[in-house]
Amino acid sequence: MRPLSLFQIAEWVDGALIQGVPAALVGRVETDSRKVGEGDLFLAIKGERLDAHKFLGDVAKAGAGAMLVSALPYESEGYRGGIIRVKDTLKALQALAYHHRRTSTDLFVTGITGSNGKTSTKDFLASVLACGGPVNATAGNFNNHIGLPLTILAGNEGDRYGVWEMGMNHAGEIGVLADIACPDAAVITHIGTAHIEHLGSREGIAAEKASLAEAVPAGGFCVMPLHDDFYPFVRDRVRCGMVSVGIGQGDVRAEGLVPDRDGRMRFELVSDYASPFTVSLPVRGEHMVMNALLAAAVGLRCGIDPAAISGALGSVRLTHGRLEEKSVGGIAFLDDSYNANPDSMHAALRTLRGAEVAGRRVAVLGFMGELGEHEEAEHLRLGERVAEQGIDLLVTVGERAARINERASGLAGNRNFPTHEEAVAYLREVLAPGDLVLVKGSRSAGMERVIAAFA
């Protein structure tokens, strides 16, 4: 965050400066009392399980320049820094980010949402736009009502681009985030079934995702896969331009796609915006090609040189747990353990099927969460997909994942285990050098524990 005076902060958050010098400046915002440094602004967020006001004494000792609180900080007696009092510190955080964004006039912001692929697309896009200037991109899973404001406020004064993920669980959440972010462009990676438990239908999910594109002004644009069956739905709701991407179709498209033996995806990127150029992605999967195309489309619209885009896509470092290839004892793992929903599961299985391997293709899967009444049907359907993709061995972990096995008929040796430890013990017995093992499940399934046991 660029340096702001306590007076300016108090005005933006509709707070009362009850202690401190109005002209005093702070330049960094922190919500974790353990990370507060000299001169920081500490926002005391009151969550469901933890109230940060309990740690104001520690914050005072750490030398915070100011505190933003909703209760008088008696725990910090003797503290001489600034104190701004508000009714609700979470709303104050969002208001601070809202105003900070609107006074960052030189920043071009792209908001990213979708049922899956948000983080990988963010990684690709941050790499591409870095060729044109400094980028403030979402870190980790900071894509919600707290994470997005913190991402905005973590930016530097010289940033040229903002690449911000926007996630949601319930209706109305994307609209709130889009209002804070004020995007110049939008990327919708895919409209699937993630979070259908709370949204009720794919139509409800589509309306929620489309609210990001609806926030983009007429001079901006929204990038989206042309093959997505909700593309017309989004196109008809927005005032901005639409940019379509696809494999063999769209304004920005991949032609001549060839998966190499080394795991790279090579293709010719053809578009209406530049001469064709070659791209070689350091990651498997057609869905990763789609994510790269989404990023390339934004880069081309922002005037990034095609050669630079090719280099950026070819050297990208994806966030941990996104189809990350690892080799342990001669056995290759595809670590896609970060999260899962039906669409991303099916994409990962297609990637496993398409890979050239000397041994067997093995899927080690956990359950998929947030499906509500659709959970049983989606797990049974996933089992059918496993069988259709010709996977050699399926191992599932946990009672909720056992349904996958019921429909994965015809695969010898399919097993379900109650615990990760039991699954690992079995895998140690049956895996051999040359096998390729996909590990995937929802975040709460903890499937990264399987790979950690082999490391």
Protein backbone atom coordinates (compact mmCIF):
# COMPACT_ATOMS: atom_id res chain seq x y z
CA MET A 1 0.00 0.00 0.00
CA ARG A 2 1.27 3.45 -0.80
CA PRO A 3 1.76 5.58 2.36
CA LEU A 4 -1.51 6.96 3.68
CA SER A 5 -2.16 9.37 6.52
CA LEU A 6 -4.24 8.34 9.51
CA PHE A 7 -6.63 11.14 8.62
CA GLN A 8 -7.11 9.77 5.10
CA ILE A 9 -7.64 6.23 6.37
CA ALA A 10 -10.17 7.36 8.96
CA GLU A 11 -12.07 9.29 6.32
CA TRP A 12 -12.16 6.35 3.89
CA VAL A 13 -13.38 3.84 6.49
CA ASP A 14 -15.82 6.26 8.18
CA GLY A 15 -13.91 5.91 11.43
CA ALA A 16 -12.96 8.09 14.36
CA LEU A 17 -9.28 8.87 14.93
CA ILE A 18 -9.32 8.71 18.72
CA GLN A 19 -5.54 8.73 19.16
CA GLY A 20 -2.55 9.70 17.06
CA VAL A 21 -1.31 12.44 14.75
CA PRO A 22 -3.65 12.87 11.73
CA ALA A 23 -0.71 13.46 9.35
CA ALA A 24 1.19 10.33 10.51
CA LEU A 25 1.72 7.86 7.66
CA VAL A 26 1.40 4.08 7.48
CA GLY A 27 2.36 2.03 4.44
CA ARG A 28 1.55 -1.60 5.20
CA VAL A 29 -1.64 -3.31 6.35
CA GLU A 30 -1.60 -6.46 8.49
CA THR A 31 -4.35 -8.59 10.03
CA ASP A 32 -2.10 -11.22 11.63
CA SER A 33 -0.78 -9.99 14.99
CA ARG A 34 2.24 -12.31 14.66
CA LYS A 35 3.41 -10.54 11.50
CA VAL A 36 3.03 -6.91 12.59
CA GLY A 37 6.14 -4.79 12.16
CA GLU A 38 7.26 -1.30 13.07
CA GLY A 39 4.92 1.33 11.65
CA ASP A 40 2.27 -1.08 10.26
CA LEU A 41 -1.47 -0.53 10.33
CA PHE A 42 -3.08 -3.44 12.19
CA LEU A 43 -6.72 -4.26 11.45
CA ALA A 44 -8.33 -6.20 14.28
CA ILE A 45 -10.72 -8.55 12.46
CA LYS A 46 -13.30 -10.37 14.56
CA GLY A 47 -13.88 -13.78 12.96
CA GLU A 48 -16.08 -16.74 13.81
CA ARG A 49 -13.39 -18.45 15.86
CA LEU A 50 -10.93 -15.71 16.72
CA ASP A 51 -11.12 -12.06 17.73
CA ALA A 52 -7.90 -10.22 16.90
CA HIS A 53 -8.69 -7.59 19.53
CA LYS A 54 -7.33 -10.10 22.06
CA PHE A 55 -3.85 -9.56 20.68
CA LEU A 56 -3.67 -5.77 20.67
CA GLY A 57 -1.15 -5.84 23.49
CA ASP A 58 1.22 -7.88 21.32
CA VAL A 59 0.59 -5.53 18.40
CA ALA A 60 1.47 -2.53 20.55
CA LYS A 61 4.72 -4.16 21.68
CA ALA A 62 5.59 -4.90 18.04
CA GLY A 63 5.55 -1.16 17.30
CA ALA A 64 2.48 -0.89 15.09
CA GLY A 65 2.06 2.60 13.68
CA ALA A 66 -1.70 2.44 14.09
CA MET A 67 -4.58 0.13 14.99
CA LEU A 68 -7.98 -0.05 13.38
CA VAL A 69 -10.40 -1.46 15.96
CA SER A 70 -14.08 -1.81 16.77
CA ALA A 71 -13.53 -1.85 20.54
CA LEU A 72 -11.30 0.32 22.70
CA PRO A 73 -7.93 -1.43 23.06
CA TYR A 74 -7.56 -1.69 26.80
CA GLU A 75 -5.05 -4.50 26.29
CA SER A 76 -2.63 -1.98 24.76
CA GLU A 77 -2.39 0.44 27.66
CA GLY A 78 0.61 2.67 27.19
CA TYR A 79 0.46 2.47 23.40
CA ARG A 80 1.16 5.84 21.77
CA GLY A 81 0.44 5.05 18.11
CA GLY A 82 -2.70 5.85 16.16
CA ILE A 83 -6.06 4.33 16.98
CA ILE A 84 -8.98 4.46 14.53
CA ARG A 85 -12.29 3.16 15.80
CA VAL A 86 -15.03 1.84 13.48
CA LYS A 87 -18.25 -0.13 13.89
CA ASP A 88 -17.04 -3.11 11.83
CA THR A 89 -13.36 -3.71 11.04
CA LEU A 90 -14.09 -6.14 8.18
CA LYS A 91 -16.22 -3.54 6.41
CA ALA A 92 -13.49 -1.02 7.13
CA LEU A 93 -10.92 -3.29 5.47
CA GLN A 94 -13.11 -3.56 2.40
CA ALA A 95 -13.75 0.20 2.32
CA LEU A 96 -10.03 0.90 2.59
CA ALA A 97 -9.32 -1.41 -0.36
CA TYR A 98 -12.24 0.08 -2.33
CA HIS A 99 -10.90 3.62 -2.06
CA HIS A 100 -7.28 2.58 -2.53
CA ARG A 101 -8.21 0.85 -5.80
CA ARG A 102 -10.12 3.86 -7.10
CA THR A 103 -7.19 6.16 -6.48
CA SER A 104 -4.78 3.77 -8.25
CA THR A 105 -5.54 5.28 -11.64
CA ASP A 106 -2.53 3.79 -13.47
CA LEU A 107 -3.39 0.18 -12.53
CA PHE A 108 -5.03 -2.13 -15.09
CA VAL A 109 -6.97 -4.79 -13.20
CA THR A 110 -8.08 -8.19 -14.48
CA GLY A 111 -10.48 -10.12 -12.26
CA ILE A 112 -10.48 -13.91 -12.58
CA THR A 113 -13.28 -16.23 -11.56
CA GLY A 114 -14.57 -19.64 -12.59
CA SER A 115 -15.50 -23.07 -11.29
CA ASN A 116 -11.93 -24.32 -11.73
CA GLY A 117 -8.60 -23.20 -13.14
CA LYS A 118 -8.57 -19.77 -11.44
CA THR A 119 -5.18 -20.09 -9.78
CA SER A 120 -3.38 -21.62 -12.76
CA THR A 121 -4.86 -18.94 -15.03
CA LYS A 122 -3.74 -16.31 -12.53
CA ASP A 123 -0.22 -17.76 -12.59
CA PHE A 124 -0.12 -17.74 -16.39
CA LEU A 125 -1.51 -14.20 -16.59
CA ALA A 126 0.82 -12.77 -13.95
CA SER A 127 3.75 -14.25 -15.87
CA VAL A 128 2.51 -12.75 -19.15
CA LEU A 129 1.74 -9.27 -17.81
CA ALA A 130 5.05 -9.10 -15.94
CA CYS A 131 6.57 -8.63 -19.41
CA GLY A 132 4.86 -5.23 -19.46
CA GLY A 133 5.48 -4.02 -15.93
CA PRO A 134 5.15 -4.82 -12.21
CA VAL A 135 2.20 -7.04 -11.29
CA ASN A 136 0.19 -7.28 -8.07
CA ALA A 137 -1.25 -10.82 -8.17
CA THR A 138 -3.30 -12.82 -5.70
CA ALA A 139 -1.11 -14.87 -3.38
CA GLY A 140 -2.21 -18.29 -2.14
CA ASN A 141 -5.97 -18.48 -1.61
CA PHE A 142 -6.47 -14.75 -0.87
CA ASN A 143 -9.50 -14.57 -3.15
CA ASN A 144 -12.40 -13.95 -0.75
CA HIS A 145 -13.97 -11.03 1.13
CA ILE A 146 -10.85 -10.71 3.32
CA GLY A 147 -8.15 -11.94 0.93
CA LEU A 148 -9.02 -9.69 -2.00
CA PRO A 149 -8.87 -6.44 0.02
CA LEU A 150 -5.56 -7.54 1.53
CA THR A 151 -4.25 -8.32 -1.97
CA ILE A 152 -5.24 -4.86 -3.18
CA LEU A 153 -3.62 -3.18 -0.18
CA ALA A 154 -0.45 -5.27 -0.56
CA GLY A 155 0.26 -3.67 -3.93
CA ASN A 156 3.09 -1.26 -4.57
CA GLU A 157 2.84 2.26 -5.89
CA GLY A 158 4.63 1.35 -9.13
CA ASP A 159 2.41 -1.61 -10.03
CA ARG A 160 1.06 -1.53 -13.56
CA TYR A 161 -1.22 -4.56 -13.46
CA GLY A 162 -3.51 -6.21 -10.94
CA VAL A 163 -4.33 -9.91 -11.43
CA TRP A 164 -6.88 -10.80 -8.80
CA GLU A 165 -8.73 -14.05 -8.22
CA MET A 166 -12.30 -13.94 -6.99
CA GLY A 167 -13.79 -17.03 -5.37
CA MET A 168 -17.18 -17.62 -3.83
CA ASN A 169 -19.34 -20.11 -1.96
CA HIS A 170 -22.69 -18.32 -1.90
CA ALA A 171 -24.75 -16.07 -4.14
CA GLY A 172 -23.84 -12.37 -4.13
CA GLU A 173 -20.20 -12.79 -3.13
CA ILE A 174 -18.62 -12.15 -6.55
CA GLY A 175 -20.59 -8.93 -6.93
CA VAL A 176 -19.18 -7.60 -3.66
CA LEU A 177 -15.63 -8.48 -4.70
CA ALA A 178 -16.07 -6.97 -8.17
CA ASP A 179 -17.34 -3.74 -6.63
CA ILE A 180 -14.20 -3.51 -4.51
CA ALA A 181 -11.84 -4.45 -7.36
CA CYS A 182 -13.33 -2.24 -10.10
CA PRO A 183 -11.96 -4.51 -12.89
CA ASP A 184 -10.90 -3.27 -16.30
CA ALA A 185 -11.15 -6.80 -17.68
CA ALA A 186 -12.58 -10.14 -16.60
CA VAL A 187 -11.63 -13.75 -17.16
CA ILE A 188 -14.18 -16.51 -16.60
CA THR A 189 -12.30 -19.79 -16.78
CA HIS A 190 -15.29 -22.14 -16.78
CA ILE A 191 -18.83 -22.43 -15.45
CA GLY A 192 -19.27 -25.85 -13.92
CA THR A 193 -20.69 -27.40 -10.75
CA ALA A 194 -18.30 -26.24 -8.03
CA HIS A 195 -20.28 -24.87 -5.04
CA ILE A 196 -23.55 -26.12 -6.46
CA GLU A 197 -24.51 -27.05 -2.90
CA HIS A 198 -25.08 -23.36 -2.14
CA LEU A 199 -26.02 -22.04 -5.59
CA GLY A 200 -28.56 -24.76 -6.44
CA SER A 201 -27.96 -25.04 -10.19
CA ARG A 202 -25.45 -24.32 -12.93
CA GLU A 203 -27.66 -21.41 -13.95
CA GLY A 204 -27.23 -19.96 -10.46
CA ILE A 205 -23.48 -20.47 -10.69
CA ALA A 206 -23.42 -18.82 -14.13
CA ALA A 207 -25.28 -15.77 -12.86
CA GLU A 208 -22.82 -15.45 -9.98
CA LYS A 209 -19.74 -15.75 -12.21
CA ALA A 210 -21.22 -13.39 -14.79
CA SER A 211 -21.49 -10.66 -12.17
CA LEU A 212 -17.73 -10.14 -12.50
CA ALA A 213 -18.03 -9.49 -16.24
CA GLU A 214 -21.02 -7.24 -15.63
CA ALA A 215 -18.78 -5.01 -13.51
CA VAL A 216 -16.38 -4.39 -16.42
CA PRO A 217 -17.03 -1.04 -18.19
CA ALA A 218 -17.94 -0.71 -21.85
CA GLY A 219 -14.33 -0.05 -22.84
CA GLY A 220 -13.10 -3.25 -21.22
CA PHE A 221 -13.41 -6.91 -22.16
CA CYS A 222 -14.24 -10.36 -20.83
CA VAL A 223 -12.28 -13.44 -21.88
CA MET A 224 -14.03 -16.81 -21.78
CA PRO A 225 -13.83 -20.23 -23.48
CA LEU A 226 -16.03 -20.30 -26.57
CA HIS A 227 -17.03 -23.92 -25.97
CA ASP A 228 -18.49 -23.13 -22.53
CA ASP A 229 -22.24 -23.62 -22.87
CA PHE A 230 -22.82 -20.46 -20.78
CA TYR A 231 -20.77 -18.23 -23.12
CA PRO A 232 -23.95 -16.80 -24.76
CA PHE A 233 -25.49 -16.31 -21.30
CA VAL A 234 -22.54 -14.14 -20.22
CA ARG A 235 -22.25 -12.34 -23.57
CA ASP A 236 -25.87 -11.23 -23.38
CA ARG A 237 -25.49 -9.77 -19.87
CA VAL A 238 -22.39 -7.57 -20.29
CA ARG A 239 -21.68 -4.12 -21.71
CA CYS A 240 -17.98 -4.87 -22.35
CA GLY A 241 -16.53 -6.68 -25.35
CA MET A 242 -16.15 -10.47 -25.38
CA VAL A 243 -12.96 -12.31 -26.34
CA SER A 244 -13.38 -16.03 -26.97
CA VAL A 245 -10.66 -18.67 -26.65
CA GLY A 246 -10.52 -22.34 -27.52
CA ILE A 247 -8.66 -25.24 -29.05
CA GLY A 248 -9.18 -24.84 -32.77
CA GLN A 249 -11.83 -22.16 -32.26
CA GLY A 250 -12.24 -18.64 -30.89
CA ASP A 251 -10.63 -15.22 -31.24
CA VAL A 252 -7.52 -16.65 -29.55
CA ARG A 253 -6.98 -20.33 -30.26
CA ALA A 254 -4.51 -23.20 -30.12
CA GLU A 255 -3.83 -24.91 -33.44
CA GLY A 256 -1.80 -28.07 -33.99
CA LEU A 257 -1.80 -29.07 -30.32
CA VAL A 258 0.76 -31.82 -29.62
CA PRO A 259 1.45 -33.31 -26.16
CA ASP A 260 5.17 -34.17 -26.03
CA ARG A 261 6.76 -37.14 -24.32
CA ASP A 262 8.44 -34.74 -21.89
CA GLY A 263 5.04 -33.63 -20.61
CA ARG A 264 4.98 -30.27 -22.39
CA MET A 265 2.01 -29.09 -24.45
CA ARG A 266 3.09 -27.50 -27.75
CA PHE A 267 0.83 -25.55 -30.07
CA GLU A 268 0.57 -22.62 -32.44
CA LEU A 269 -1.26 -19.67 -30.91
CA VAL A 270 -3.41 -18.05 -33.57
CA SER A 271 -5.46 -14.91 -32.94
CA ASP A 272 -7.14 -11.89 -34.44
CA TYR A 273 -4.64 -9.64 -32.64
CA ALA A 274 -1.16 -10.77 -33.77
CA SER A 275 0.71 -13.06 -36.13
CA PRO A 276 0.76 -16.74 -35.07
CA PHE A 277 3.46 -17.82 -32.62
CA THR A 278 4.55 -21.07 -31.01
CA VAL A 279 3.94 -21.88 -27.34
CA SER A 280 5.39 -24.75 -25.30
CA LEU A 281 3.76 -25.14 -21.87
CA PRO A 282 5.74 -26.84 -19.08
CA VAL A 283 2.63 -28.67 -17.86
CA ARG A 284 0.29 -31.41 -19.07
CA GLY A 285 -3.38 -31.22 -19.96
CA GLU A 286 -5.68 -29.59 -22.51
CA HIS A 287 -7.38 -27.71 -19.67
CA MET A 288 -4.01 -26.10 -18.91
CA VAL A 289 -3.79 -25.07 -22.57
CA MET A 290 -7.17 -23.37 -22.11
CA ASN A 291 -5.89 -21.54 -19.02
CA ALA A 292 -2.83 -20.38 -20.96
CA LEU A 293 -5.05 -19.15 -23.83
CA LEU A 294 -7.13 -17.09 -21.40
CA ALA A 295 -3.95 -15.44 -20.13
CA ALA A 296 -2.55 -14.92 -23.63
CA ALA A 297 -5.78 -13.24 -24.73
CA VAL A 298 -5.49 -10.66 -21.95
CA GLY A 299 -1.82 -10.15 -22.73
CA LEU A 300 -2.51 -9.57 -26.42
CA ARG A 301 -5.31 -7.09 -25.64
CA CYS A 302 -2.91 -5.26 -23.30
CA GLY A 303 -0.30 -4.96 -26.05
CA ILE A 304 2.25 -7.45 -24.71
CA ASP A 305 4.68 -8.61 -27.41
CA PRO A 306 3.78 -12.09 -28.73
CA ALA A 307 7.35 -13.35 -28.34
CA ALA A 308 7.29 -12.24 -24.71
CA ILE A 309 3.94 -13.99 -24.18
CA SER A 310 5.37 -17.21 -25.60
CA GLY A 311 8.38 -17.01 -23.29
CA ALA A 312 6.28 -16.18 -20.25
CA LEU A 313 3.89 -19.08 -20.80
CA GLY A 314 6.77 -21.46 -21.43
CA SER A 315 8.58 -20.60 -18.22
CA VAL A 316 5.65 -20.15 -15.82
CA ARG A 317 5.84 -21.54 -12.29
CA LEU A 318 2.41 -22.77 -11.25
CA THR A 319 1.21 -22.67 -7.67
CA HIS A 320 1.92 -25.83 -5.67
CA GLY A 321 -0.51 -28.72 -6.11
CA ARG A 322 -1.73 -27.87 -9.64
CA LEU A 323 -0.76 -30.85 -11.81
CA GLU A 324 2.72 -30.58 -10.38
CA GLU A 325 4.95 -33.42 -11.58
CA LYS A 326 7.11 -35.14 -8.99
CA SER A 327 9.25 -38.26 -9.12
CA VAL A 328 9.81 -40.40 -6.03
CA GLY A 329 11.70 -43.68 -6.27
CA GLY A 330 11.17 -43.91 -10.02
CA ILE A 331 7.42 -43.38 -9.67
CA ALA A 332 5.99 -40.26 -11.27
CA PHE A 333 3.23 -38.36 -9.47
CA LEU A 334 0.84 -35.78 -10.85
CA ASP A 335 0.14 -33.72 -7.75
CA ASP A 336 -3.24 -32.07 -8.31
CA SER A 337 -4.14 -32.32 -4.64
CA TYR A 338 -4.96 -28.70 -3.92
CA ASN A 339 -8.67 -28.96 -4.64
CA ALA A 340 -11.27 -30.75 -6.75
CA ASN A 341 -14.74 -30.55 -8.23
CA PRO A 342 -16.40 -32.72 -10.90
CA ASP A 343 -15.09 -30.66 -13.81
CA SER A 344 -11.50 -30.48 -12.61
CA MET A 345 -11.55 -34.19 -11.73
CA HIS A 346 -12.63 -35.09 -15.26
CA ALA A 347 -9.97 -32.80 -16.75
CA ALA A 348 -7.26 -34.37 -14.59
CA LEU A 349 -8.35 -37.87 -15.62
CA ARG A 350 -8.16 -36.88 -19.29
CA THR A 351 -4.66 -35.58 -18.67
CA LEU A 352 -3.66 -38.85 -17.01
CA ARG A 353 -5.15 -40.83 -19.88
CA GLY A 354 -3.33 -38.76 -22.49
CA ALA A 355 0.09 -39.08 -20.89
CA GLU A 356 2.63 -41.49 -22.37
CA VAL A 357 3.79 -43.84 -19.62
CA ALA A 358 5.98 -46.92 -19.45
CA GLY A 359 3.91 -48.47 -16.67
CA ARG A 360 0.34 -48.03 -15.41
CA ARG A 361 -1.92 -45.04 -15.06
CA VAL A 362 -3.05 -44.87 -11.44
CA ALA A 363 -5.68 -42.55 -9.94
CA VAL A 364 -5.62 -41.91 -6.18
CA LEU A 365 -8.71 -39.87 -5.41
CA GLY A 366 -10.38 -38.27 -2.41
CA PHE A 367 -13.92 -36.97 -2.13
CA MET A 368 -15.32 -33.83 -3.74
CA GLY A 369 -16.92 -31.37 -1.33
CA GLU A 370 -19.64 -28.69 -1.52
CA LEU A 371 -21.89 -30.73 -3.80
CA GLY A 372 -24.82 -31.00 -1.39
CA GLU A 373 -27.60 -33.22 -2.69
CA HIS A 374 -25.56 -33.85 -5.86
CA GLU A 375 -22.67 -35.50 -3.98
CA GLU A 376 -23.65 -39.16 -4.44
CA ALA A 377 -24.53 -38.77 -8.12
CA GLU A 378 -21.34 -36.86 -8.93
CA HIS A 379 -19.11 -39.43 -7.22
CA LEU A 380 -20.85 -42.27 -9.07
CA ARG A 381 -20.46 -40.33 -12.31
CA LEU A 382 -16.78 -39.82 -11.58
CA GLY A 383 -16.37 -43.58 -11.21
CA GLU A 384 -17.86 -44.03 -14.66
CA ARG A 385 -15.38 -41.51 -16.04
CA VAL A 386 -12.48 -43.38 -14.44
CA ALA A 387 -13.56 -46.55 -16.24
CA GLU A 388 -14.16 -44.70 -19.53
CA GLN A 389 -10.68 -43.16 -19.45
CA GLY A 390 -9.05 -46.56 -19.21
CA ILE A 391 -7.24 -45.93 -15.94
CA ASP A 392 -5.37 -49.05 -14.84
CA LEU A 393 -5.82 -48.76 -11.08
CA LEU A 394 -8.12 -46.69 -8.86
CA VAL A 395 -7.49 -46.11 -5.15
CA THR A 396 -9.87 -43.94 -3.14
CA VAL A 397 -9.53 -42.59 0.38
CA GLY A 398 -12.36 -42.13 2.86
CA GLU A 399 -15.99 -43.19 3.11
CA ARG A 400 -17.26 -40.29 0.98
CA ALA A 401 -14.97 -41.30 -1.89
CA ALA A 402 -16.00 -44.97 -1.82
CA ARG A 403 -18.87 -44.25 -4.20
CA ILE A 404 -16.36 -43.61 -6.96
CA ASN A 405 -15.35 -47.29 -6.90
CA GLU A 406 -18.93 -48.50 -7.32
CA ARG A 407 -19.11 -47.34 -10.93
CA ALA A 408 -15.45 -47.85 -11.88
CA SER A 409 -16.24 -51.34 -13.06
CA GLY A 410 -13.79 -53.46 -14.98
CA LEU A 411 -10.68 -52.17 -13.22
CA ALA A 412 -8.82 -54.94 -11.41
CA GLY A 413 -7.53 -54.16 -7.95
CA ASN A 414 -9.71 -51.12 -7.22
CA ARG A 415 -9.60 -50.37 -3.52
CA ASN A 416 -11.03 -47.92 -1.02
CA PHE A 417 -9.25 -47.23 2.26
CA PRO A 418 -10.60 -45.45 5.33
CA THR A 419 -7.36 -43.55 5.94
CA HIS A 420 -4.50 -42.01 4.01
CA GLU A 421 -2.04 -44.20 5.90
CA GLU A 422 -3.73 -47.41 4.78
CA ALA A 423 -3.89 -46.21 1.19
CA VAL A 424 -0.19 -45.33 1.25
CA ALA A 425 0.73 -48.76 2.64
CA TYR A 426 -1.17 -50.42 -0.22
CA LEU A 427 0.37 -48.14 -2.84
CA ARG A 428 3.87 -48.90 -1.58
CA GLU A 429 3.17 -52.56 -2.26
CA VAL A 430 1.71 -52.24 -5.75
CA LEU A 431 3.36 -49.23 -7.41
CA ALA A 432 6.40 -49.79 -9.62
CA PRO A 433 8.86 -47.61 -11.56
CA GLY A 434 7.25 -46.36 -14.74
CA ASP A 435 3.82 -45.85 -13.17
CA LEU A 436 2.18 -42.42 -13.36
CA VAL A 437 0.02 -41.59 -10.32
CA LEU A 438 -2.60 -38.82 -10.25
CA VAL A 439 -3.42 -37.63 -6.72
CA LYS A 440 -6.47 -35.41 -6.40
CA GLY A 441 -9.33 -34.51 -4.05
CA SER A 442 -11.05 -31.57 -2.43
CA ARG A 443 -9.02 -29.40 -0.08
CA SER A 444 -10.65 -30.95 2.97
CA ALA A 445 -9.81 -34.45 1.71
CA GLY A 446 -6.13 -33.76 2.48
CA MET A 447 -4.79 -35.80 -0.43
CA GLU A 448 -1.41 -34.06 -0.27
CA ARG A 449 -0.71 -36.41 2.64
CA VAL A 450 -0.42 -39.30 0.19
CA ILE A 451 2.42 -37.68 -1.74
CA ALA A 452 4.08 -36.40 1.44
CA ALA A 453 4.29 -40.00 2.69
CA PHE A 454 6.38 -40.96 -0.35
CA ALA A 455 8.74 -37.98 -0.18
